[in-house]
PDB file of N, CA and C in Angstrom:
ATOM      1  N   MET A   1     -15.518  19.455  -2.620  1.00  0.00           N
ATOM      2  CA  MET A   1     -16.029  18.439  -1.709  1.00  0.00           C
ATOM      3  C   MET A   1     -15.263  18.452  -0.391  1.00  0.00           C
ATOM      4  N   ALA A   2     -13.987  18.795  -0.453  1.00  0.00           N
ATOM      5  CA  ALA A   2     -13.188  18.810   0.764  1.00  0.00           C
ATOM      6  C   ALA A   2     -13.544  19.989   1.660  1.00  0.00           C
ATOM      7  N   ALA A   3     -14.319  20.935   1.146  1.00  0.00           N
ATOM      8  CA  ALA A   3     -14.665  22.118   1.917  1.00  0.00           C
ATOM      9  C   ALA A   3     -15.902  21.889   2.786  1.00  0.00           C
ATOM     10  N   ARG A   4     -16.390  20.685   2.867  1.00  0.00           N
ATOM     11  CA  ARG A   4     -17.567  20.430   3.696  1.00  0.00           C
ATOM     12  C   ARG A   4     -17.205  20.582   5.169  1.00  0.00           C
ATOM     13  N   SER A   5     -18.216  20.758   5.977  1.00  0.00           N
ATOM     14  CA  SER A   5     -17.988  21.005   7.400  1.00  0.00           C
ATOM     15  C   SER A   5     -17.468  19.748   8.089  1.00  0.00           C
ATOM     16  N   PRO A   6     -16.780  19.929   9.215  1.00  0.00           N
ATOM     17  CA  PRO A   6     -16.271  18.761   9.956  1.00  0.00           C
ATOM     18  C   PRO A   6     -17.388  17.835  10.434  1.00  0.00           C
ATOM     19  N   SER A   7     -18.569  18.378  10.675  1.00  0.00           N
ATOM     20  CA  SER A   7     -19.666  17.514  11.123  1.00  0.00           C
ATOM     21  C   SER A   7     -20.073  16.530  10.027  1.00  0.00           C
ATOM     22  N   PHE A   8     -19.907  16.913   8.760  1.00  0.00           N
ATOM     23  CA  PHE A   8     -20.194  16.001   7.652  1.00  0.00           C
ATOM     24  C   PHE A   8     -19.249  14.807   7.688  1.00  0.00           C
ATOM     25  N   TRP A   9     -17.956  15.074   7.883  1.00  0.00           N
ATOM     26  CA  TRP A   9     -16.975  13.986   7.931  1.00  0.00           C
ATOM     27  C   TRP A   9     -17.156  13.152   9.198  1.00  0.00           C
ATOM     28  N   LEU A  10     -17.548  13.797  10.288  1.00  0.00           N
ATOM     29  CA  LEU A  10     -17.823  13.063  11.520  1.00  0.00           C
ATOM     30  C   LEU A  10     -19.018  12.131  11.329  1.00  0.00           C
ATOM     31  N   LEU A  11     -20.025  12.601  10.609  1.00  0.00           N
ATOM     32  CA  LEU A  11     -21.184  11.767  10.324  1.00  0.00           C
ATOM     33  C   LEU A  11     -20.779  10.546   9.492  1.00  0.00           C
ATOM     34  N   ILE A  12     -19.932  10.755   8.496  1.00  0.00           N
ATOM     35  CA  ILE A  12     -19.463   9.625   7.687  1.00  0.00           C
ATOM     36  C   ILE A  12     -18.681   8.635   8.546  1.00  0.00           C
ATOM     37  N   ALA A  13     -17.803   9.136   9.420  1.00  0.00           N
ATOM     38  CA  ALA A  13     -17.020   8.258  10.295  1.00  0.00           C
ATOM     39  C   ALA A  13     -17.929   7.474  11.236  1.00  0.00           C
ATOM     40  N   VAL A  14     -18.929   8.130  11.800  1.00  0.00           N
ATOM     41  CA  VAL A  14     -19.855   7.445  12.710  1.00  0.00           C
ATOM     42  C   VAL A  14     -20.632   6.371  11.964  1.00  0.00           C
ATOM     43  N   LEU A  15     -21.075   6.671  10.764  1.00  0.00           N
ATOM     44  CA  LEU A  15     -21.800   5.668   9.990  1.00  0.00           C
ATOM     45  C   LEU A  15     -20.914   4.468   9.660  1.00  0.00           C
ATOM     46  N   LEU A  16     -19.655   4.720   9.310  1.00  0.00           N
ATOM     47  CA  LEU A  16     -18.746   3.611   9.016  1.00  0.00           C
ATOM     48  C   LEU A  16     -18.500   2.746  10.248  1.00  0.00           C
ATOM     49  N   VAL A  17     -18.208   3.379  11.370  1.00  0.00           N
ATOM     50  CA  VAL A  17     -17.935   2.620  12.599  1.00  0.00           C
ATOM     51  C   VAL A  17     -19.170   1.837  13.024  1.00  0.00           C
ATOM     52  N   THR A  18     -20.332   2.448  12.943  1.00  0.00           N
ATOM     53  CA  THR A  18     -21.569   1.749  13.300  1.00  0.00           C
ATOM     54  C   THR A  18     -21.810   0.580  12.353  1.00  0.00           C
ATOM     55  N   GLY A  19     -21.572   0.790  11.062  1.00  0.00           N
ATOM     56  CA  GLY A  19     -21.738  -0.298  10.105  1.00  0.00           C
ATOM     57  C   GLY A  19     -20.789  -1.445  10.372  1.00  0.00           C
ATOM     58  N   ILE A  20     -19.559  -1.134  10.755  1.00  0.00           N
ATOM     59  CA  ILE A  20     -18.586  -2.197  11.062  1.00  0.00           C
ATOM     60  C   ILE A  20     -19.002  -2.954  12.309  1.00  0.00           C
ATOM     61  N   MET A  21     -19.507  -2.239  13.311  1.00  0.00           N
ATOM     62  CA  MET A  21     -19.918  -2.924  14.545  1.00  0.00           C
ATOM     63  C   MET A  21     -21.151  -3.789  14.298  1.00  0.00           C
ATOM     64  N   VAL A  22     -22.071  -3.328  13.465  1.00  0.00           N
ATOM     65  CA  VAL A  22     -23.293  -4.089  13.212  1.00  0.00           C
ATOM     66  C   VAL A  22     -23.016  -5.256  12.263  1.00  0.00           C
ATOM     67  N   HIS A  23     -22.212  -5.010  11.242  1.00  0.00           N
ATOM     68  CA  HIS A  23     -21.957  -6.039  10.241  1.00  0.00           C
ATOM     69  C   HIS A  23     -20.443  -6.123  10.003  1.00  0.00           C
ATOM     70  N   PRO A  24     -19.723  -7.030  10.688  1.00  0.00           N
ATOM     71  CA  PRO A  24     -18.259  -7.080  10.595  1.00  0.00           C
ATOM     72  C   PRO A  24     -17.713  -7.311   9.187  1.00  0.00           C
ATOM     73  N   SER A  25     -18.496  -7.906   8.301  1.00  0.00           N
ATOM     74  CA  SER A  25     -17.962  -8.121   6.956  1.00  0.00           C
ATOM     75  C   SER A  25     -17.768  -6.795   6.228  1.00  0.00           C
ATOM     76  N   LEU A  26     -18.421  -5.737   6.685  1.00  0.00           N
ATOM     77  CA  LEU A  26     -18.205  -4.413   6.111  1.00  0.00           C
ATOM     78  C   LEU A  26     -16.753  -3.981   6.330  1.00  0.00           C
ATOM     79  N   ALA A  27     -16.181  -4.354   7.470  1.00  0.00           N
ATOM     80  CA  ALA A  27     -14.775  -4.036   7.735  1.00  0.00           C
ATOM     81  C   ALA A  27     -13.883  -4.726   6.712  1.00  0.00           C
ATOM     82  N   ALA A  28     -14.209  -5.955   6.363  1.00  0.00           N
ATOM     83  CA  ALA A  28     -13.415  -6.674   5.366  1.00  0.00           C
ATOM     84  C   ALA A  28     -13.524  -6.009   4.007  1.00  0.00           C
ATOM     85  N   VAL A  29     -14.715  -5.569   3.651  1.00  0.00           N
ATOM     86  CA  VAL A  29     -14.904  -4.911   2.357  1.00  0.00           C
ATOM     87  C   VAL A  29     -14.105  -3.614   2.292  1.00  0.00           C
ATOM     88  N   ILE A  30     -14.034  -2.918   3.411  1.00  0.00           N
ATOM     89  CA  ILE A  30     -13.308  -1.646   3.448  1.00  0.00           C
ATOM     90  C   ILE A  30     -11.799  -1.880   3.434  1.00  0.00           C
ATOM     91  N   THR A  31     -11.327  -2.902   4.148  1.00  0.00           N
ATOM     92  CA  THR A  31      -9.879  -3.082   4.296  1.00  0.00           C
ATOM     93  C   THR A  31      -9.234  -3.906   3.187  1.00  0.00           C
ATOM     94  N   VAL A  32      -9.991  -4.637   2.397  1.00  0.00           N
ATOM     95  CA  VAL A  32      -9.390  -5.454   1.333  1.00  0.00           C
ATOM     96  C   VAL A  32      -8.608  -4.609   0.332  1.00  0.00           C
ATOM     97  N   PRO A  33      -9.139  -3.495  -0.176  1.00  0.00           N
ATOM     98  CA  PRO A  33      -8.322  -2.702  -1.109  1.00  0.00           C
ATOM     99  C   PRO A  33      -7.044  -2.163  -0.470  1.00  0.00           C
ATOM    100  N   ILE A  34      -7.107  -1.823   0.803  1.00  0.00           N
ATOM    101  CA  ILE A  34      -5.908  -1.343   1.497  1.00  0.00           C
ATOM    102  C   ILE A  34      -4.888  -2.470   1.606  1.00  0.00           C
ATOM    103  N   ASP A  35      -5.341  -3.667   1.966  1.00  0.00           N
ATOM    104  CA  ASP A  35      -4.435  -4.812   2.071  1.00  0.00           C
ATOM    105  C   ASP A  35      -3.800  -5.144   0.721  1.00  0.00           C
ATOM    106  N   VAL A  36      -4.589  -5.114  -0.330  1.00  0.00           N
ATOM    107  CA  VAL A  36      -4.052  -5.412  -1.664  1.00  0.00           C
ATOM    108  C   VAL A  36      -2.999  -4.380  -2.053  1.00  0.00           C
ATOM    109  N   ALA A  37      -3.271  -3.120  -1.772  1.00  0.00           N
ATOM    110  CA  ALA A  37      -2.299  -2.069  -2.091  1.00  0.00           C
ATOM    111  C   ALA A  37      -1.009  -2.262  -1.296  1.00  0.00           C
ATOM    112  N   LEU A  38      -1.114  -2.637  -0.039  1.00  0.00           N
ATOM    113  CA  LEU A  38       0.085  -2.875   0.770  1.00  0.00           C
ATOM    114  C   LEU A  38       0.876  -4.080   0.265  1.00  0.00           C
ATOM    115  N   ILE A  39       0.194  -5.139  -0.163  1.00  0.00           N
ATOM    116  CA  ILE A  39       0.887  -6.310  -0.695  1.00  0.00           C
ATOM    117  C   ILE A  39       1.616  -5.952  -1.992  1.00  0.00           C
ATOM    118  N   VAL A  40       0.952  -5.192  -2.855  1.00  0.00           N
ATOM    119  CA  VAL A  40       1.589  -4.770  -4.107  1.00  0.00           C
ATOM    120  C   VAL A  40       2.807  -3.905  -3.816  1.00  0.00           C
ATOM    121  N   ALA A  41       2.694  -2.977  -2.877  1.00  0.00           N
ATOM    122  CA  ALA A  41       3.828  -2.118  -2.524  1.00  0.00           C
ATOM    123  C   ALA A  41       4.979  -2.933  -1.938  1.00  0.00           C
ATOM    124  N   LEU A  42       4.656  -3.923  -1.117  1.00  0.00           N
ATOM    125  CA  LEU A  42       5.690  -4.771  -0.519  1.00  0.00           C
ATOM    126  C   LEU A  42       6.414  -5.584  -1.580  1.00  0.00           C
ATOM    127  N   ARG A  43       5.670  -6.163  -2.519  1.00  0.00           N
ATOM    128  CA  ARG A  43       6.300  -6.936  -3.603  1.00  0.00           C
ATOM    129  C   ARG A  43       7.157  -6.044  -4.489  1.00  0.00           C
ATOM    130  N   TRP A  44       6.681  -4.839  -4.771  1.00  0.00           N
ATOM    131  CA  TRP A  44       7.445  -3.903  -5.601  1.00  0.00           C
ATOM    132  C   TRP A  44       8.758  -3.529  -4.913  1.00  0.00           C
ATOM    133  N   GLN A  45       8.704  -3.255  -3.613  1.00  0.00           N
ATOM    134  CA  GLN A  45       9.913  -2.894  -2.872  1.00  0.00           C
ATOM    135  C   GLN A  45      10.882  -4.078  -2.807  1.00  0.00           C
ATOM    136  N   ALA A  46      10.380  -5.288  -2.596  1.00  0.00           N
ATOM    137  CA  ALA A  46      11.245  -6.471  -2.560  1.00  0.00           C
ATOM    138  C   ALA A  46      11.884  -6.692  -3.927  1.00  0.00           C
ATOM    139  N   HIS A  47      11.142  -6.446  -4.984  1.00  0.00           N
ATOM    140  CA  HIS A  47      11.688  -6.577  -6.341  1.00  0.00           C
ATOM    141  C   HIS A  47      12.819  -5.569  -6.550  1.00  0.00           C
ATOM    142  N   ARG A  48      12.613  -4.343  -6.116  1.00  0.00           N
ATOM    143  CA  ARG A  48      13.657  -3.314  -6.257  1.00  0.00           C
ATOM    144  C   ARG A  48      14.908  -3.685  -5.459  1.00  0.00           C
ATOM    145  N   GLU A  49      14.712  -4.179  -4.223  1.00  0.00           N
ATOM    146  CA  GLU A  49      15.854  -4.555  -3.395  1.00  0.00           C
ATOM    147  C   GLU A  49      16.589  -5.752  -3.998  1.00  0.00           C
ATOM    148  N   GLY A  50      15.837  -6.697  -4.569  1.00  0.00           N
ATOM    149  CA  GLY A  50      16.467  -7.857  -5.199  1.00  0.00           C
ATOM    150  C   GLY A  50      17.291  -7.460  -6.407  1.00  0.00           C
ATOM    151  N   ARG A  51      16.762  -6.544  -7.211  1.00  0.00           N
ATOM    152  CA  ARG A  51      17.523  -6.071  -8.377  1.00  0.00           C
ATOM    153  C   ARG A  51      18.773  -5.314  -7.941  1.00  0.00           C
ATOM    154  N   ALA A  52      18.672  -4.542  -6.866  1.00  0.00           N
ATOM    155  CA  ALA A  52      19.834  -3.810  -6.370  1.00  0.00           C
ATOM    156  C   ALA A  52      20.897  -4.783  -5.852  1.00  0.00           C
ATOM    157  N   ALA A  53      20.453  -5.860  -5.195  1.00  0.00           N
ATOM    158  CA  ALA A  53      21.404  -6.855  -4.694  1.00  0.00           C
ATOM    159  C   ALA A  53      22.080  -7.582  -5.846  1.00  0.00           C
ATOM    160  N   GLU A  54      21.317  -7.930  -6.891  1.00  0.00           N
ATOM    161  CA  GLU A  54      21.917  -8.580  -8.055  1.00  0.00           C
ATOM    162  C   GLU A  54      22.915  -7.655  -8.742  1.00  0.00           C
ATOM    163  N   LYS A  55      22.575  -6.398  -8.820  1.00  0.00           N
ATOM    164  CA  LYS A  55      23.464  -5.440  -9.470  1.00  0.00           C
ATOM    165  C   LYS A  55      24.761  -5.284  -8.669  1.00  0.00           C
ATOM    166  N   ALA A  56      24.662  -5.369  -7.341  1.00  0.00           N
ATOM    167  CA  ALA A  56      25.848  -5.246  -6.497  1.00  0.00           C
ATOM    168  C   ALA A  56      26.755  -6.468  -6.631  1.00  0.00           C
ATOM    169  N   LEU A  57      26.195  -7.637  -6.968  1.00  0.00           N
ATOM    170  CA  LEU A  57      26.992  -8.851  -7.088  1.00  0.00           C
ATOM    171  C   LEU A  57      27.742  -8.934  -8.417  1.00  0.00           C
ATOM    172  N   ARG A  58      27.261  -8.250  -9.424  1.00  0.00           N
ATOM    173  CA  ARG A  58      27.902  -8.326 -10.735  1.00  0.00           C
ATOM    174  C   ARG A  58      29.252  -7.616 -10.721  1.00  0.00           C
ATOM    175  N   VAL A  59      30.202  -8.263 -11.345  1.00  0.00           N
ATOM    176  CA  VAL A  59      31.532  -7.664 -11.474  1.00  0.00           C
ATOM    177  C   VAL A  59      31.544  -6.872 -12.776  1.00  0.00           C
ATOM    178  N   PRO A  60      31.941  -5.617 -12.712  1.00  0.00           N
ATOM    179  CA  PRO A  60      31.965  -4.843 -13.948  1.00  0.00           C
ATOM    180  C   PRO A  60      33.024  -5.385 -14.905  1.00  0.00           C
ATOM    181  N   LEU A  61      32.648  -5.541 -16.142  1.00  0.00           N
ATOM    182  CA  LEU A  61      33.585  -6.029 -17.144  1.00  0.00           C
ATOM    183  C   LEU A  61      34.393  -4.879 -17.703  1.00  0.00           C
ATOM    184  N   ARG A  62      35.685  -5.092 -17.807  1.00  0.00           N
ATOM    185  CA  ARG A  62      36.526  -4.067 -18.404  1.00  0.00           C
ATOM    186  C   ARG A  62      36.853  -4.471 -19.839  1.00  0.00           C
ATOM    187  N   ARG A  63      36.683  -3.580 -20.715  1.00  0.00           N
ATOM    188  CA  ARG A  63      36.960  -3.891 -22.112  1.00  0.00           C
ATOM    189  C   ARG A  63      38.296  -3.271 -22.502  1.00  0.00           C
ATOM    190  N   GLY A  64      38.956  -3.951 -23.365  1.00  0.00           N
ATOM    191  CA  GLY A  64      40.245  -3.441 -23.827  1.00  0.00           C
ATOM    192  C   GLY A  64      41.390  -3.968 -22.984  1.00  0.00           C
ATOM    193  N   PHE A  65      42.519  -3.323 -23.133  1.00  0.00           N
ATOM    194  CA  PHE A  65      43.732  -3.759 -22.413  1.00  0.00           C
ATOM    195  C   PHE A  65      43.773  -3.120 -21.048  1.00  0.00           C
ATOM    196  N   ILE A  66      44.347  -3.870 -20.092  1.00  0.00           N
ATOM    197  CA  ILE A  66      44.464  -3.347 -18.725  1.00  0.00           C
ATOM    198  C   ILE A  66      45.876  -2.902 -18.493  1.00  0.00           C
TER     199      ILE A  66
END
């Protein structure tokens, strides 16, 4: 499918842009999955940074005699 001619992809792009200009809610339908993916990625990264910060605050326990 990726081997199609550039005019095929240009036709798809023109149809999308025309659809967005004619019916703006089409833009929302197209961008909602992208927005959701970005929100999930942002929450995942914040979770990782929070865990790293908590791990940095913990004092390592030494077992046995010092």
